Amino acid sequence: MKRKVDNSYGIIPFYIPSKKIVEKSKGCYLYDSEVKQYTDFESGVLCANLGHSNDRIVKAMEAGIRQSIHHGYKFRNHPSEFLSQELVRITGLEKGSSVFLSSGSEAVNLAISMARNITRREKILKIHNSYLSAYGYMLL
C-alpha cells in the first residue's frame, strides 16, 4: 500500500537524499516506485552480508520474533550463548568471548573504545567526510 508522502515533516538526512523512493528490495537490488531496478552498492545495515529480503533469513527472523524480540542486557538467553560457543569453536579462539550489539555504529564505537584502552592513545585515523558511525563524531 503506497502512502502519499508529506514532505513538510522532514527526516534529518546523513547524506543528500535522492528524489527516488525505494518501494522494495530483493537480493542486491532496490526497486523504485517506477519499478526501475538499481544495484545496491551502498548495502547498509544487515543487507551487505545477507542481501535484501533473503527468504531463509526472513523465516529465521520470524521464528525468533515469535519467541522473543529482545532479551534485554541483564538476562542470559540460549540463542546468544549458543552463538557465542559456536563462534569460539569456529574461530578456534579457546578463550574467546563475544559481545552482541544492536548496530554497526555500536560496534565501531566499542572498537574505538577498546583500541584506545589497549593502546592508551586518544587519536584515531578517520577518512574525511566518511561515515564513522551514527554517533562516532562524539569520539573525535
Protein backbone atom coordinates (compact mmCIF):
# COMPACT_ATOMS: atom_id res chain seq x y z
CA MET A 1 0.00 0.00 0.00
CA LYS A 2 1.51 3.28 -1.11
CA ARG A 3 1.01 6.37 1.01
CA LYS A 4 1.34 9.95 -0.09
CA VAL A 5 4.44 11.45 1.49
CA ASP A 6 4.01 14.78 3.24
CA ASN A 7 7.40 16.48 2.86
CA SER A 8 6.53 19.16 5.43
CA TYR A 9 7.73 16.69 8.08
CA GLY A 10 11.41 16.23 7.36
CA ILE A 11 13.77 13.41 8.07
CA ILE A 12 17.21 14.66 9.04
CA PRO A 13 19.48 13.13 6.36
CA PHE A 14 23.00 11.84 6.86
CA TYR A 15 23.53 12.49 3.14
CA ILE A 16 21.74 14.43 0.42
CA PRO A 17 18.78 12.13 -0.34
CA SER A 18 17.71 11.03 -3.79
CA LYS A 19 14.33 12.13 -5.10
CA LYS A 20 13.60 8.45 -5.80
CA ILE A 21 11.74 6.39 -3.20
CA VAL A 22 12.62 2.72 -2.75
CA GLU A 23 9.45 0.61 -2.82
CA LYS A 24 11.03 -2.83 -2.34
CA SER A 25 14.33 -4.64 -2.33
CA LYS A 26 15.46 -8.20 -3.02
CA GLY A 27 18.94 -9.71 -3.02
CA CYS A 28 21.36 -6.97 -4.07
CA TYR A 29 18.69 -4.90 -5.87
CA LEU A 30 16.49 -1.95 -4.95
CA TYR A 31 13.34 -1.02 -6.89
CA ASP A 32 11.82 2.45 -7.06
CA SER A 33 8.17 3.44 -7.46
CA GLU A 34 8.56 3.18 -11.26
CA VAL A 35 9.88 -0.39 -10.80
CA LYS A 36 13.31 0.67 -12.00
CA GLN A 37 16.00 -1.71 -10.69
CA TYR A 38 19.18 -0.44 -9.02
CA THR A 39 22.16 -2.48 -7.84
CA ASP A 40 22.68 -1.68 -4.16
CA PHE A 41 26.32 -0.67 -3.92
CA GLU A 42 25.68 1.06 -0.59
CA SER A 43 24.29 -2.02 1.20
CA GLY A 44 23.69 -0.54 4.60
CA VAL A 45 22.82 -2.26 7.85
CA LEU A 46 22.49 -6.06 7.53
CA CYS A 47 21.96 -6.09 3.76
CA ALA A 48 25.66 -6.04 2.96
CA ASN A 49 26.04 -9.57 4.28
CA LEU A 50 22.58 -11.05 3.96
CA GLY A 51 21.01 -9.44 0.92
CA HIS A 52 17.62 -7.77 0.89
CA SER A 53 14.56 -9.92 1.72
CA ASN A 54 16.54 -13.15 1.93
CA ASP A 55 13.82 -15.81 2.36
CA ARG A 56 15.90 -18.03 4.66
CA ILE A 57 16.83 -15.09 6.89
CA VAL A 58 13.23 -13.77 6.94
CA LYS A 59 11.99 -17.20 8.13
CA ALA A 60 14.64 -17.35 10.87
CA MET A 61 13.84 -13.80 11.98
CA GLU A 62 10.10 -14.53 12.08
CA ALA A 63 10.72 -17.60 14.23
CA GLY A 64 12.96 -15.63 16.58
CA ILE A 65 10.49 -12.76 16.89
CA ARG A 66 7.69 -15.17 17.76
CA GLN A 67 9.85 -16.50 20.63
CA SER A 68 11.24 -13.20 21.99
CA ILE A 69 12.06 -9.91 20.28
CA HIS A 70 14.60 -8.68 22.81
CA HIS A 71 16.02 -10.25 25.94
CA GLY A 72 17.44 -7.06 27.39
CA TYR A 73 21.01 -6.82 28.57
CA LYS A 74 20.55 -8.22 32.08
CA PHE A 75 19.19 -11.67 31.24
CA ARG A 76 21.02 -14.56 29.64
CA ASN A 77 19.42 -16.35 26.68
CA HIS A 78 20.05 -19.60 24.84
CA PRO A 79 20.46 -18.22 21.27
CA SER A 80 23.21 -15.76 22.30
CA GLU A 81 25.05 -18.32 24.41
CA PHE A 82 24.85 -20.91 21.62
CA LEU A 83 26.13 -18.40 19.05
CA SER A 84 28.99 -17.36 21.33
CA GLN A 85 30.03 -21.01 21.76
CA GLU A 86 29.83 -21.57 18.01
CA LEU A 87 31.99 -18.51 17.31
CA VAL A 88 34.64 -19.80 19.73
CA ARG A 89 34.51 -23.23 18.07
CA ILE A 90 34.65 -21.90 14.50
CA THR A 91 37.45 -19.39 15.16
CA GLY A 92 39.47 -21.70 17.39
CA LEU A 93 39.90 -18.93 19.97
CA GLU A 94 39.75 -21.12 23.07
CA LYS A 95 39.48 -18.19 25.48
CA GLY A 96 37.37 -16.10 23.11
CA SER A 97 34.43 -14.00 24.21
CA SER A 98 31.56 -12.35 22.38
CA VAL A 99 29.60 -9.16 22.68
CA PHE A 100 26.36 -8.77 20.75
CA LEU A 101 25.32 -5.25 19.85
CA SER A 102 22.36 -3.69 18.08
CA SER A 103 24.15 -1.87 15.28
CA GLY A 104 27.34 -1.33 13.35
CA SER A 105 27.59 2.09 14.98
CA GLU A 106 27.73 0.46 18.40
CA ALA A 107 30.36 -1.97 17.11
CA VAL A 108 32.51 0.85 15.68
CA ASN A 109 32.30 2.82 18.92
CA LEU A 110 33.16 -0.27 21.01
CA ALA A 111 36.14 -0.99 18.75
CA ILE A 112 37.40 2.59 19.14
CA SER A 113 36.95 2.43 22.92
CA MET A 114 38.78 -0.89 23.09
CA ALA A 115 41.63 0.33 20.87
CA ARG A 116 42.03 3.47 22.98
CA ASN A 117 42.01 1.41 26.17
CA ILE A 118 44.56 -1.13 24.89
CA THR A 119 46.93 1.35 23.17
CA ARG A 120 46.41 4.25 25.60
CA ARG A 121 46.26 6.50 22.52
CA GLU A 122 43.46 9.02 22.10
CA LYS A 123 43.65 9.78 18.36
CA ILE A 124 42.15 7.63 15.63
CA LEU A 125 42.55 7.79 11.87
CA LYS A 126 39.34 8.62 10.02
CA ILE A 127 38.78 9.30 6.35
CA HIS A 128 37.47 12.86 5.91
CA ASN A 129 33.77 13.15 5.03
CA SER A 130 33.12 9.46 5.56
CA TYR A 131 30.68 7.58 7.74
CA LEU A 132 32.30 6.61 11.03
CA SER A 133 29.11 5.65 12.85
CA ALA A 134 25.80 7.22 13.75
CA TYR A 135 27.34 8.95 16.75
CA GLY A 136 31.06 8.40 16.20
CA TYR A 137 31.79 12.07 15.76
CA MET A 138 31.45 12.43 19.54
CA LEU A 139 34.53 10.27 19.98
CA LEU A 140 36.85 12.52 18.00
